[in-house]
Amino acid sequence: LNQEQDITVVLVEHRLDLTAKYANHLVVMDKGKICCEGHPKDILF
């Protein structure tokens, strides 16, 4: 749906093994703040 209909998707998920490959924007939160954000390939390393 995101790719074919240009629907913006915001997904909250712990299981990054299943979901990281779909995202083009990863947001990592801690204590009510954003610790870091960017492309998953940059952030998860």
PDB file of all heavy atoms in Angstrom:
ATOM      1  N   LEU A   1       0.828  -1.204   0.000  1.00  0.00           N
ATOM      2  CA  LEU A   1       0.000   0.000   0.000  1.00  0.00           C
ATOM      3  C   LEU A   1       0.862   1.255   0.000  1.00  0.00           C
ATOM      4  O   LEU A   1       0.582   2.236  -0.697  1.00  0.00           O
ATOM      5  CB  LEU A   1      -0.910   0.016   1.231  1.00  0.00           C
ATOM      6  CG  LEU A   1      -2.078  -0.958   1.245  1.00  0.00           C
ATOM      7  CD1 LEU A   1      -2.712  -0.998   2.626  1.00  0.00           C
ATOM      8  CD2 LEU A   1      -3.112  -0.577   0.196  1.00  0.00           C
ATOM      9  N   ASN A   2       1.920   1.217   0.777  1.00  0.00           N
ATOM     10  CA  ASN A   2       2.846   2.351   0.842  1.00  0.00           C
ATOM     11  C   ASN A   2       3.489   2.620  -0.520  1.00  0.00           C
ATOM     12  O   ASN A   2       3.566   3.772  -0.966  1.00  0.00           O
ATOM     13  CB  ASN A   2       3.914   2.053   1.897  1.00  0.00           C
ATOM     14  CG  ASN A   2       5.088   3.003   1.853  1.00  0.00           C
ATOM     15  OD1 ASN A   2       6.171   2.632   1.389  1.00  0.00           O
ATOM     16  ND2 ASN A   2       4.901   4.212   2.338  1.00  0.00           N
ATOM     17  N   GLN A   3       3.913   1.556  -1.191  1.00  0.00           N
ATOM     18  CA  GLN A   3       4.611   1.703  -2.456  1.00  0.00           C
ATOM     19  C   GLN A   3       3.680   2.035  -3.620  1.00  0.00           C
ATOM     20  O   GLN A   3       3.992   2.897  -4.454  1.00  0.00           O
ATOM     21  CB  GLN A   3       5.387   0.419  -2.772  1.00  0.00           C
ATOM     22  CG  GLN A   3       6.532   0.141  -1.821  1.00  0.00           C
ATOM     23  CD  GLN A   3       7.628   1.174  -1.919  1.00  0.00           C
ATOM     24  OE1 GLN A   3       8.263   1.328  -2.962  1.00  0.00           O
ATOM     25  NE2 GLN A   3       7.854   1.913  -0.840  1.00  0.00           N
ATOM     26  N   GLU A   4       2.532   1.375  -3.668  1.00  0.00           N
ATOM     27  CA  GLU A   4       1.659   1.505  -4.837  1.00  0.00           C
ATOM     28  C   GLU A   4       0.672   2.653  -4.724  1.00  0.00           C
ATOM     29  O   GLU A   4       0.264   3.219  -5.746  1.00  0.00           O
ATOM     30  CB  GLU A   4       0.900   0.195  -5.075  1.00  0.00           C
ATOM     31  CG  GLU A   4       1.813  -0.966  -5.437  1.00  0.00           C
ATOM     32  CD  GLU A   4       1.043  -2.241  -5.730  1.00  0.00           C
ATOM     33  OE1 GLU A   4      -0.198  -2.229  -5.597  1.00  0.00           O
ATOM     34  OE2 GLU A   4       1.694  -3.248  -6.098  1.00  0.00           O
ATOM     35  N   GLN A   5       0.259   3.012  -3.484  1.00  0.00           N
ATOM     36  CA  GLN A   5      -0.731   4.059  -3.326  1.00  0.00           C
ATOM     37  C   GLN A   5      -0.188   5.292  -2.600  1.00  0.00           C
ATOM     38  O   GLN A   5      -0.932   6.218  -2.293  1.00  0.00           O
ATOM     39  CB  GLN A   5      -1.952   3.503  -2.589  1.00  0.00           C
ATOM     40  CG  GLN A   5      -2.608   2.365  -3.341  1.00  0.00           C
ATOM     41  CD  GLN A   5      -3.965   2.003  -2.781  1.00  0.00           C
ATOM     42  OE1 GLN A   5      -4.656   2.821  -2.195  1.00  0.00           O
ATOM     43  NE2 GLN A   5      -4.360   0.757  -2.964  1.00  0.00           N
ATOM     44  N   ASP A   6       1.113   5.289  -2.317  1.00  0.00           N
ATOM     45  CA  ASP A   6       1.771   6.439  -1.701  1.00  0.00           C
ATOM     46  C   ASP A   6       1.162   6.790  -0.345  1.00  0.00           C
ATOM     47  O   ASP A   6       1.131   7.955   0.048  1.00  0.00           O
ATOM     48  CB  ASP A   6       1.714   7.657  -2.639  1.00  0.00           C
ATOM     49  CG  ASP A   6       2.843   8.639  -2.364  1.00  0.00           C
ATOM     50  OD1 ASP A   6       3.917   8.192  -1.932  1.00  0.00           O
ATOM     51  OD2 ASP A   6       2.639   9.851  -2.576  1.00  0.00           O
ATOM     52  N   ILE A   7       0.645   5.774   0.357  1.00  0.00           N
ATOM     53  CA  ILE A   7       0.117   5.999   1.702  1.00  0.00           C
ATOM     54  C   ILE A   7       1.283   6.078   2.675  1.00  0.00           C
ATOM     55  O   ILE A   7       2.184   5.237   2.656  1.00  0.00           O
ATOM     56  CB  ILE A   7      -0.835   4.860   2.118  1.00  0.00           C
ATOM     57  CG1 ILE A   7      -2.110   4.888   1.253  1.00  0.00           C
ATOM     58  CG2 ILE A   7      -1.202   4.947   3.585  1.00  0.00           C
ATOM     59  CD1 ILE A   7      -3.051   3.730   1.515  1.00  0.00           C
ATOM     60  N   THR A   8       1.281   7.101   3.506  1.00  0.00           N
ATOM     61  CA  THR A   8       2.316   7.251   4.519  1.00  0.00           C
ATOM     62  C   THR A   8       2.046   6.266   5.651  1.00  0.00           C
ATOM     63  O   THR A   8       0.936   6.200   6.168  1.00  0.00           O
ATOM     64  CB  THR A   8       2.334   8.691   5.069  1.00  0.00           C
ATOM     65  OG1 THR A   8       2.498   9.606   3.979  1.00  0.00           O
ATOM     66  CG2 THR A   8       3.461   8.886   6.067  1.00  0.00           C
ATOM     67  N   VAL A   9       3.064   5.505   6.023  1.00  0.00           N
ATOM     68  CA  VAL A   9       2.931   4.486   7.060  1.00  0.00           C
ATOM     69  C   VAL A   9       3.824   4.843   8.246  1.00  0.00           C
ATOM     70  O   VAL A   9       5.006   5.148   8.074  1.00  0.00           O
ATOM     71  CB  VAL A   9       3.318   3.092   6.531  1.00  0.00           C
ATOM     72  CG1 VAL A   9       3.318   2.063   7.666  1.00  0.00           C
ATOM     73  CG2 VAL A   9       2.366   2.651   5.421  1.00  0.00           C
ATOM     74  N   VAL A  10       3.225   4.818   9.435  1.00  0.00           N
ATOM     75  CA  VAL A  10       3.989   4.964  10.674  1.00  0.00           C
ATOM     76  C   VAL A  10       3.761   3.689  11.473  1.00  0.00           C
ATOM     77  O   VAL A  10       2.640   3.411  11.889  1.00  0.00           O
ATOM     78  CB  VAL A  10       3.558   6.191  11.484  1.00  0.00           C
ATOM     79  CG1 VAL A  10       4.377   6.283  12.774  1.00  0.00           C
ATOM     80  CG2 VAL A  10       3.703   7.474  10.663  1.00  0.00           C
ATOM     81  N   LEU A  11       4.808   2.922  11.665  1.00  0.00           N
ATOM     82  CA  LEU A  11       4.710   1.620  12.313  1.00  0.00           C
ATOM     83  C   LEU A  11       5.551   1.594  13.586  1.00  0.00           C
ATOM     84  O   LEU A  11       6.755   1.865  13.548  1.00  0.00           O
ATOM     85  CB  LEU A  11       5.198   0.528  11.355  1.00  0.00           C
ATOM     86  CG  LEU A  11       5.355  -0.885  11.911  1.00  0.00           C
ATOM     87  CD1 LEU A  11       4.005  -1.460  12.313  1.00  0.00           C
ATOM     88  CD2 LEU A  11       6.037  -1.790  10.878  1.00  0.00           C
ATOM     89  N   VAL A  12       4.903   1.296  14.709  1.00  0.00           N
ATOM     90  CA  VAL A  12       5.616   1.080  15.969  1.00  0.00           C
ATOM     91  C   VAL A  12       5.822  -0.416  16.126  1.00  0.00           C
ATOM     92  O   VAL A  12       4.860  -1.184  16.088  1.00  0.00           O
ATOM     93  CB  VAL A  12       4.823   1.632  17.172  1.00  0.00           C
ATOM     94  CG1 VAL A  12       5.497   1.227  18.491  1.00  0.00           C
ATOM     95  CG2 VAL A  12       4.702   3.143  17.090  1.00  0.00           C
ATOM     96  N   GLU A  13       7.069  -0.831  16.283  1.00  0.00           N
ATOM     97  CA  GLU A  13       7.339  -2.264  16.315  1.00  0.00           C
ATOM     98  C   GLU A  13       8.678  -2.545  16.988  1.00  0.00           C
ATOM     99  O   GLU A  13       9.654  -1.806  16.789  1.00  0.00           O
ATOM    100  CB  GLU A  13       7.342  -2.826  14.884  1.00  0.00           C
ATOM    101  CG  GLU A  13       7.513  -4.311  14.760  1.00  0.00           C
ATOM    102  CD  GLU A  13       6.443  -5.110  15.479  1.00  0.00           C
ATOM    103  OE1 GLU A  13       5.262  -5.011  15.097  1.00  0.00           O
ATOM    104  OE2 GLU A  13       6.796  -5.834  16.423  1.00  0.00           O
ATOM    105  N   HIS A  14       8.719  -3.616  17.802  1.00  0.00           N
ATOM    106  CA  HIS A  14       9.962  -4.060  18.419  1.00  0.00           C
ATOM    107  C   HIS A  14      10.713  -5.029  17.512  1.00  0.00           C
ATOM    108  O   HIS A  14      11.939  -5.113  17.556  1.00  0.00           O
ATOM    109  CB  HIS A  14       9.676  -4.769  19.750  1.00  0.00           C
ATOM    110  CG  HIS A  14       9.234  -3.852  20.843  1.00  0.00           C
ATOM    111  ND1 HIS A  14      10.065  -2.949  21.451  1.00  0.00           N
ATOM    112  CD2 HIS A  14       8.026  -3.695  21.434  1.00  0.00           C
ATOM    113  CE1 HIS A  14       9.412  -2.281  22.380  1.00  0.00           C
ATOM    114  NE2 HIS A  14       8.156  -2.715  22.382  1.00  0.00           N
ATOM    115  N   ARG A  15       9.966  -5.785  16.701  1.00  0.00           N
ATOM    116  CA  ARG A  15      10.569  -6.868  15.927  1.00  0.00           C
ATOM    117  C   ARG A  15      11.218  -6.324  14.653  1.00  0.00           C
ATOM    118  O   ARG A  15      10.670  -6.419  13.558  1.00  0.00           O
ATOM    119  CB  ARG A  15       9.517  -7.931  15.613  1.00  0.00           C
ATOM    120  CG  ARG A  15       8.980  -8.603  16.854  1.00  0.00           C
ATOM    121  CD  ARG A  15       8.077  -9.775  16.534  1.00  0.00           C
ATOM    122  NE  ARG A  15       6.792  -9.384  16.000  1.00  0.00           N
ATOM    123  CZ  ARG A  15       5.812 -10.234  15.701  1.00  0.00           C
ATOM    124  NH1 ARG A  15       5.993 -11.525  15.879  1.00  0.00           N
ATOM    125  NH2 ARG A  15       4.659  -9.807  15.238  1.00  0.00           N
ATOM    126  N   LEU A  16      12.408  -5.765  14.804  1.00  0.00           N
ATOM    127  CA  LEU A  16      13.085  -5.144  13.665  1.00  0.00           C
ATOM    128  C   LEU A  16      13.561  -6.172  12.650  1.00  0.00           C
ATOM    129  O   LEU A  16      13.772  -5.840  11.490  1.00  0.00           O
ATOM    130  CB  LEU A  16      14.261  -4.297  14.149  1.00  0.00           C
ATOM    131  CG  LEU A  16      13.924  -3.165  15.128  1.00  0.00           C
ATOM    132  CD1 LEU A  16      15.119  -2.236  15.292  1.00  0.00           C
ATOM    133  CD2 LEU A  16      12.708  -2.365  14.670  1.00  0.00           C
ATOM    134  N   ASP A  17      13.732  -7.428  13.083  1.00  0.00           N
ATOM    135  CA  ASP A  17      14.079  -8.482  12.128  1.00  0.00           C
ATOM    136  C   ASP A  17      13.044  -8.582  11.015  1.00  0.00           C
ATOM    137  O   ASP A  17      13.373  -8.881   9.873  1.00  0.00           O
ATOM    138  CB  ASP A  17      14.159  -9.842  12.842  1.00  0.00           C
ATOM    139  CG  ASP A  17      15.518 -10.086  13.470  1.00  0.00           C
ATOM    140  OD1 ASP A  17      16.510 -10.029  12.732  1.00  0.00           O
ATOM    141  OD2 ASP A  17      15.577 -10.311  14.685  1.00  0.00           O
ATOM    142  N   LEU A  18      11.779  -8.334  11.364  1.00  0.00           N
ATOM    143  CA  LEU A  18      10.694  -8.454  10.394  1.00  0.00           C
ATOM    144  C   LEU A  18      10.411  -7.151   9.653  1.00  0.00           C
ATOM    145  O   LEU A  18       9.879  -7.170   8.542  1.00  0.00           O
ATOM    146  CB  LEU A  18       9.408  -8.902  11.103  1.00  0.00           C
ATOM    147  CG  LEU A  18       9.385 -10.300  11.723  1.00  0.00           C
ATOM    148  CD1 LEU A  18       8.062 -10.518  12.448  1.00  0.00           C
ATOM    149  CD2 LEU A  18       9.592 -11.367  10.659  1.00  0.00           C
ATOM    150  N   THR A  19      10.721  -6.022  10.261  1.00  0.00           N
ATOM    151  CA  THR A  19      10.203  -4.748   9.749  1.00  0.00           C
ATOM    152  C   THR A  19      11.234  -3.769   9.204  1.00  0.00           C
ATOM    153  O   THR A  19      10.887  -2.918   8.388  1.00  0.00           O
ATOM    154  CB  THR A  19       9.420  -4.030  10.860  1.00  0.00           C
ATOM    155  OG1 THR A  19      10.271  -3.888  12.021  1.00  0.00           O
ATOM    156  CG2 THR A  19       8.187  -4.821  11.260  1.00  0.00           C
ATOM    157  N   ALA A  20      12.481  -3.847   9.638  1.00  0.00           N
ATOM    158  CA  ALA A  20      13.473  -2.833   9.251  1.00  0.00           C
ATOM    159  C   ALA A  20      13.639  -2.729   7.733  1.00  0.00           C
ATOM    160  O   ALA A  20      13.875  -1.647   7.195  1.00  0.00           O
ATOM    161  CB  ALA A  20      14.821  -3.134   9.913  1.00  0.00           C
ATOM    162  N   LYS A  21      13.497  -3.860   7.032  1.00  0.00           N
ATOM    163  CA  LYS A  21      13.719  -3.863   5.580  1.00  0.00           C
ATOM    164  C   LYS A  21      12.673  -3.056   4.818  1.00  0.00           C
ATOM    165  O   LYS A  21      12.912  -2.659   3.668  1.00  0.00           O
ATOM    166  CB  LYS A  21      13.736  -5.299   5.054  1.00  0.00           C
ATOM    167  CG  LYS A  21      12.426  -6.053   5.253  1.00  0.00           C
ATOM    168  CD  LYS A  21      12.553  -7.501   4.798  1.00  0.00           C
ATOM    169  CE  LYS A  21      11.281  -8.291   5.055  1.00  0.00           C
ATOM    170  NZ  LYS A  21      11.408  -9.717   4.653  1.00  0.00           N
ATOM    171  N   TYR A  22      11.516  -2.795   5.436  1.00  0.00           N
ATOM    172  CA  TYR A  22      10.469  -2.051   4.742  1.00  0.00           C
ATOM    173  C   TYR A  22      10.622  -0.543   4.902  1.00  0.00           C
ATOM    174  O   TYR A  22      10.119   0.232   4.082  1.00  0.00           O
ATOM    175  CB  TYR A  22       9.093  -2.457   5.274  1.00  0.00           C
ATOM    176  CG  TYR A  22       8.760  -3.909   5.109  1.00  0.00           C
ATOM    177  CD1 TYR A  22       8.629  -4.746   6.213  1.00  0.00           C
ATOM    178  CD2 TYR A  22       8.594  -4.470   3.842  1.00  0.00           C
ATOM    179  CE1 TYR A  22       8.324  -6.091   6.065  1.00  0.00           C
ATOM    180  CE2 TYR A  22       8.300  -5.811   3.686  1.00  0.00           C
ATOM    181  CZ  TYR A  22       8.163  -6.614   4.803  1.00  0.00           C
ATOM    182  OH  TYR A  22       7.867  -7.947   4.651  1.00  0.00           O
ATOM    183  N   ALA A  23      11.270  -0.114   5.961  1.00  0.00           N
ATOM    184  CA  ALA A  23      11.285   1.311   6.316  1.00  0.00           C
ATOM    185  C   ALA A  23      12.357   2.087   5.562  1.00  0.00           C
ATOM    186  O   ALA A  23      13.437   1.572   5.278  1.00  0.00           O
ATOM    187  CB  ALA A  23      11.498   1.459   7.823  1.00  0.00           C
ATOM    188  N   ASN A  24      12.046   3.339   5.264  1.00  0.00           N
ATOM    189  CA  ASN A  24      13.061   4.253   4.740  1.00  0.00           C
ATOM    190  C   ASN A  24      13.424   5.325   5.777  1.00  0.00           C
ATOM    191  O   ASN A  24      14.284   6.159   5.548  1.00  0.00           O
ATOM    192  CB  ASN A  24      12.587   4.921   3.441  1.00  0.00           C
ATOM    193  CG  ASN A  24      11.458   5.922   3.678  1.00  0.00           C
ATOM    194  OD1 ASN A  24      10.505   5.625   4.399  1.00  0.00           O
ATOM    195  ND2 ASN A  24      11.567   7.098   3.083  1.00  0.00           N
ATOM    196  N   HIS A  25      12.751   5.260   6.944  1.00  0.00           N
ATOM    197  CA  HIS A  25      12.977   6.258   8.005  1.00  0.00           C
ATOM    198  C   HIS A  25      12.783   5.534   9.344  1.00  0.00           C
ATOM    199  O   HIS A  25      11.694   5.051   9.632  1.00  0.00           O
ATOM    200  CB  HIS A  25      11.974   7.410   7.843  1.00  0.00           C
ATOM    201  CG  HIS A  25      12.212   8.557   8.767  1.00  0.00           C
ATOM    202  ND1 HIS A  25      11.460   9.727   8.709  1.00  0.00           N
ATOM    203  CD2 HIS A  25      13.087   8.745   9.785  1.00  0.00           C
ATOM    204  CE1 HIS A  25      11.872  10.560   9.645  1.00  0.00           C
ATOM    205  NE2 HIS A  25      12.867   9.985  10.315  1.00  0.00           N
ATOM    206  N   LEU A  26      13.840   5.462  10.112  1.00  0.00           N
ATOM    207  CA  LEU A  26      13.794   4.817  11.420  1.00  0.00           C
ATOM    208  C   LEU A  26      13.931   5.872  12.513  1.00  0.00           C
ATOM    209  O   LEU A  26      14.820   6.716  12.456  1.00  0.00           O
ATOM    210  CB  LEU A  26      14.925   3.789  11.548  1.00  0.00           C
ATOM    211  CG  LEU A  26      15.086   3.094  12.912  1.00  0.00           C
ATOM    212  CD1 LEU A  26      13.866   2.245  13.233  1.00  0.00           C
ATOM    213  CD2 LEU A  26      16.355   2.242  12.938  1.00  0.00           C
ATOM    214  N   VAL A  27      13.016   5.799  13.497  1.00  0.00           N
ATOM    215  CA  VAL A  27      13.040   6.717  14.641  1.00  0.00           C
ATOM    216  C   VAL A  27      13.229   5.890  15.903  1.00  0.00           C
ATOM    217  O   VAL A  27      12.433   4.988  16.178  1.00  0.00           O
ATOM    218  CB  VAL A  27      11.734   7.535  14.736  1.00  0.00           C
ATOM    219  CG1 VAL A  27      11.743   8.424  15.982  1.00  0.00           C
ATOM    220  CG2 VAL A  27      11.536   8.386  13.481  1.00  0.00           C
ATOM    221  N   VAL A  28      14.276   6.182  16.648  1.00  0.00           N
ATOM    222  CA  VAL A  28      14.549   5.477  17.898  1.00  0.00           C
ATOM    223  C   VAL A  28      14.262   6.433  19.055  1.00  0.00           C
ATOM    224  O   VAL A  28      14.823   7.522  19.124  1.00  0.00           O
ATOM    225  CB  VAL A  28      16.003   4.987  17.975  1.00  0.00           C
ATOM    226  CG1 VAL A  28      16.245   4.233  19.287  1.00  0.00           C
ATOM    227  CG2 VAL A  28      16.324   4.087  16.785  1.00  0.00           C
ATOM    228  N   MET A  29      13.362   5.997  19.965  1.00  0.00           N
ATOM    229  CA  MET A  29      12.962   6.825  21.099  1.00  0.00           C
ATOM    230  C   MET A  29      13.465   6.239  22.417  1.00  0.00           C
ATOM    231  O   MET A  29      13.624   5.031  22.549  1.00  0.00           O
ATOM    232  CB  MET A  29      11.438   6.969  21.149  1.00  0.00           C
ATOM    233  CG  MET A  29      10.840   7.761  20.024  1.00  0.00           C
ATOM    234  SD  MET A  29       9.028   7.935  20.192  1.00  0.00           S
ATOM    235  CE  MET A  29       8.918   8.862  21.741  1.00  0.00           C
ATOM    236  N   ASP A  30      13.671   7.126  23.384  1.00  0.00           N
ATOM    237  CA  ASP A  30      14.000   6.708  24.741  1.00  0.00           C
ATOM    238  C   ASP A  30      13.633   7.845  25.690  1.00  0.00           C
ATOM    239  O   ASP A  30      13.967   9.003  25.425  1.00  0.00           O
ATOM    240  CB  ASP A  30      15.485   6.364  24.861  1.00  0.00           C
ATOM    241  CG  ASP A  30      15.829   5.716  26.196  1.00  0.00           C
ATOM    242  OD1 ASP A  30      14.961   5.026  26.761  1.00  0.00           O
ATOM    243  OD2 ASP A  30      16.975   5.908  26.679  1.00  0.00           O
ATOM    244  N   LYS A  31      12.911   7.537  26.753  1.00  0.00           N
ATOM    245  CA  LYS A  31      12.531   8.511  27.779  1.00  0.00           C
ATOM    246  C   LYS A  31      11.832   9.738  27.198  1.00  0.00           C
ATOM    247  O   LYS A  31      12.100  10.867  27.583  1.00  0.00           O
ATOM    248  CB  LYS A  31      13.763   8.934  28.580  1.00  0.00           C
ATOM    249  CG  LYS A  31      14.424   7.775  29.321  1.00  0.00           C
ATOM    250  CD  LYS A  31      15.688   8.191  30.039  1.00  0.00           C
ATOM    251  CE  LYS A  31      16.334   7.008  30.735  1.00  0.00           C
ATOM    252  NZ  LYS A  31      17.623   7.359  31.386  1.00  0.00           N
ATOM    253  N   GLY A  32      10.917   9.474  26.245  1.00  0.00           N
ATOM    254  CA  GLY A  32      10.105  10.540  25.686  1.00  0.00           C
ATOM    255  C   GLY A  32      10.782  11.404  24.647  1.00  0.00           C
ATOM    256  O   GLY A  32      10.202  12.373  24.158  1.00  0.00           O
ATOM    257  N   LYS A  33      12.001  11.056  24.282  1.00  0.00           N
ATOM    258  CA  LYS A  33      12.755  11.843  23.312  1.00  0.00           C
ATOM    259  C   LYS A  33      13.177  10.973  22.139  1.00  0.00           C
ATOM    260  O   LYS A  33      13.149   9.738  22.230  1.00  0.00           O
ATOM    261  CB  LYS A  33      14.017  12.436  23.959  1.00  0.00           C
ATOM    262  CG  LYS A  33      13.775  13.326  25.172  1.00  0.00           C
ATOM    263  CD  LYS A  33      15.098  13.782  25.770  1.00  0.00           C
ATOM    264  CE  LYS A  33      14.897  14.610  27.039  1.00  0.00           C
ATOM    265  NZ  LYS A  33      14.281  15.917  26.742  1.00  0.00           N
ATOM    266  N   ILE A  34      13.585  11.611  21.054  1.00  0.00           N
ATOM    267  CA  ILE A  34      14.167  10.901  19.922  1.00  0.00           C
ATOM    268  C   ILE A  34      15.677  10.851  20.119  1.00  0.00           C
ATOM    269  O   ILE A  34      16.334  11.889  20.216  1.00  0.00           O
ATOM    270  CB  ILE A  34      13.818  11.587  18.590  1.00  0.00           C
ATOM    271  CG1 ILE A  34      12.319  11.456  18.303  1.00  0.00           C
ATOM    272  CG2 ILE A  34      14.627  10.971  17.446  1.00  0.00           C
ATOM    273  CD1 ILE A  34      11.868  12.153  17.037  1.00  0.00           C
ATOM    274  N   CYS A  35      16.212   9.626  20.199  1.00  0.00           N
ATOM    275  CA  CYS A  35      17.666   9.454  20.360  1.00  0.00           C
ATOM    276  C   CYS A  35      18.386   9.661  19.032  1.00  0.00           C
ATOM    277  O   CYS A  35      19.435  10.291  18.963  1.00  0.00           O
ATOM    278  CB  CYS A  35      17.987   8.063  20.872  1.00  0.00           C
ATOM    279  SG  CYS A  35      17.264   7.679  22.450  1.00  0.00           S
ATOM    280  N   CYS A  36      17.811   9.081  17.986  1.00  0.00           N
ATOM    281  CA  CYS A  36      18.399   9.222  16.660  1.00  0.00           C
ATOM    282  C   CYS A  36      17.355   8.846  15.625  1.00  0.00           C
ATOM    283  O   CYS A  36      16.388   8.136  15.914  1.00  0.00           O
ATOM    284  CB  CYS A  36      19.653   8.367  16.505  1.00  0.00           C
ATOM    285  SG  CYS A  36      19.418   6.639  16.912  1.00  0.00           S
ATOM    286  N   GLU A  37      17.557   9.322  14.430  1.00  0.00           N
ATOM    287  CA  GLU A  37      16.654   8.992  13.321  1.00  0.00           C
ATOM    288  C   GLU A  37      17.401   9.088  12.006  1.00  0.00           C
ATOM    289  O   GLU A  37      18.408   9.788  11.886  1.00  0.00           O
ATOM    290  CB  GLU A  37      15.436   9.921  13.312  1.00  0.00           C
ATOM    291  CG  GLU A  37      15.753  11.384  13.117  1.00  0.00           C
ATOM    292  CD  GLU A  37      14.495  12.215  12.901  1.00  0.00           C
ATOM    293  OE1 GLU A  37      13.637  11.816  12.085  1.00  0.00           O
ATOM    294  OE2 GLU A  37      14.394  13.276  13.529  1.00  0.00           O
ATOM    295  N   GLY A  38      16.911   8.363  11.026  1.00  0.00           N
ATOM    296  CA  GLY A  38      17.542   8.354   9.714  1.00  0.00           C
ATOM    297  C   GLY A  38      17.205   7.060   9.009  1.00  0.00           C
ATOM    298  O   GLY A  38      16.269   6.351   9.386  1.00  0.00           O
ATOM    299  N   HIS A  39      17.967   6.729   7.972  1.00  0.00           N
ATOM    300  CA  HIS A  39      17.733   5.478   7.262  1.00  0.00           C
ATOM    301  C   HIS A  39      18.161   4.311   8.152  1.00  0.00           C
ATOM    302  O   HIS A  39      19.190   4.388   8.834  1.00  0.00           O
ATOM    303  CB  HIS A  39      18.509   5.439   5.944  1.00  0.00           C
ATOM    304  CG  HIS A  39      18.047   4.351   5.031  1.00  0.00           C
ATOM    305  ND1 HIS A  39      18.445   3.032   5.188  1.00  0.00           N
ATOM    306  CD2 HIS A  39      17.198   4.368   3.971  1.00  0.00           C
ATOM    307  CE1 HIS A  39      17.868   2.283   4.259  1.00  0.00           C
ATOM    308  NE2 HIS A  39      17.113   3.067   3.503  1.00  0.00           N
ATOM    309  N   PRO A  40      17.398   3.214   8.175  1.00  0.00           N
ATOM    310  CA  PRO A  40      17.740   2.078   9.043  1.00  0.00           C
ATOM    311  C   PRO A  40      19.165   1.574   8.877  1.00  0.00           C
ATOM    312  O   PRO A  40      19.812   1.189   9.852  1.00  0.00           O
ATOM    313  CB  PRO A  40      16.724   1.009   8.637  1.00  0.00           C
ATOM    314  CG  PRO A  40      15.550   1.776   8.150  1.00  0.00           C
ATOM    315  CD  PRO A  40      16.108   3.001   7.477  1.00  0.00           C
ATOM    316  N   LYS A  41      19.681   1.559   7.656  1.00  0.00           N
ATOM    317  CA  LYS A  41      21.038   1.062   7.426  1.00  0.00           C
ATOM    318  C   LYS A  41      22.085   1.924   8.130  1.00  0.00           C
ATOM    319  O   LYS A  41      23.161   1.438   8.504  1.00  0.00           O
ATOM    320  CB  LYS A  41      21.331   0.993   5.931  1.00  0.00           C
ATOM    321  CG  LYS A  41      20.623  -0.149   5.206  1.00  0.00           C
ATOM    322  CD  LYS A  41      21.036  -0.210   3.757  1.00  0.00           C
ATOM    323  CE  LYS A  41      20.323  -1.341   3.009  1.00  0.00           C
ATOM    324  NZ  LYS A  41      20.798  -2.667   3.407  1.00  0.00           N
ATOM    325  N   ASP A  42      21.787   3.206   8.293  1.00  0.00           N
ATOM    326  CA  ASP A  42      22.714   4.097   8.992  1.00  0.00           C
ATOM    327  C   ASP A  42      22.552   3.982  10.505  1.00  0.00           C
ATOM    328  O   ASP A  42      23.541   3.950  11.243  1.00  0.00           O
ATOM    329  CB  ASP A  42      22.483   5.549   8.559  1.00  0.00           C
ATOM    330  CG  ASP A  42      22.718   5.760   7.072  1.00  0.00           C
ATOM    331  OD1 ASP A  42      23.644   5.118   6.531  1.00  0.00           O
ATOM    332  OD2 ASP A  42      21.983   6.550   6.452  1.00  0.00           O
ATOM    333  N   ILE A  43      21.300   3.912  10.963  1.00  0.00           N
ATOM    334  CA  ILE A  43      21.024   3.954  12.401  1.00  0.00           C
ATOM    335  C   ILE A  43      21.368   2.638  13.097  1.00  0.00           C
ATOM    336  O   ILE A  43      21.956   2.616  14.184  1.00  0.00           O
ATOM    337  CB  ILE A  43      19.544   4.303  12.652  1.00  0.00           C
ATOM    338  CG1 ILE A  43      19.214   5.665  12.035  1.00  0.00           C
ATOM    339  CG2 ILE A  43      19.249   4.311  14.147  1.00  0.00           C
ATOM    340  CD1 ILE A  43      20.043   6.807  12.548  1.00  0.00           C
ATOM    341  N   LEU A  44      21.016   1.505  12.505  1.00  0.00           N
ATOM    342  CA  LEU A  44      21.160   0.219  13.181  1.00  0.00           C
ATOM    343  C   LEU A  44      22.606  -0.248  13.295  1.00  0.00           C
ATOM    344  O   LEU A  44      22.889  -1.195  14.022  1.00  0.00           O
ATOM    345  CB  LEU A  44      20.320  -0.843  12.470  1.00  0.00           C
ATOM    346  CG  LEU A  44      18.813  -0.640  12.587  1.00  0.00           C
ATOM    347  CD1 LEU A  44      18.060  -1.667  11.759  1.00  0.00           C
ATOM    348  CD2 LEU A  44      18.372  -0.719  14.050  1.00  0.00           C
ATOM    349  N   PHE A  45      23.504   0.404  12.609  1.00  0.00           N
ATOM    350  CA  PHE A  45      24.922   0.061  12.710  1.00  0.00           C
ATOM    351  C   PHE A  45      25.585   0.795  13.882  1.00  0.00           C
ATOM    352  O   PHE A  45      26.737   0.560  14.205  1.00  0.00           O
ATOM    353  CB  PHE A  45      25.634   0.391  11.397  1.00  0.00           C
ATOM    354  CG  PHE A  45      26.902  -0.374  11.183  1.00  0.00           C
ATOM    355  CD1 PHE A  45      26.875  -1.753  11.089  1.00  0.00           C
ATOM    356  CD2 PHE A  45      28.125   0.273  11.085  1.00  0.00           C
ATOM    357  CE1 PHE A  45      28.047  -2.470  10.897  1.00  0.00           C
ATOM    358  CE2 PHE A  45      29.294  -0.440  10.895  1.00  0.00           C
ATOM    359  CZ  PHE A  45      29.259  -1.815  10.798  1.00  0.00           C
TER     360      PHE A  45
END
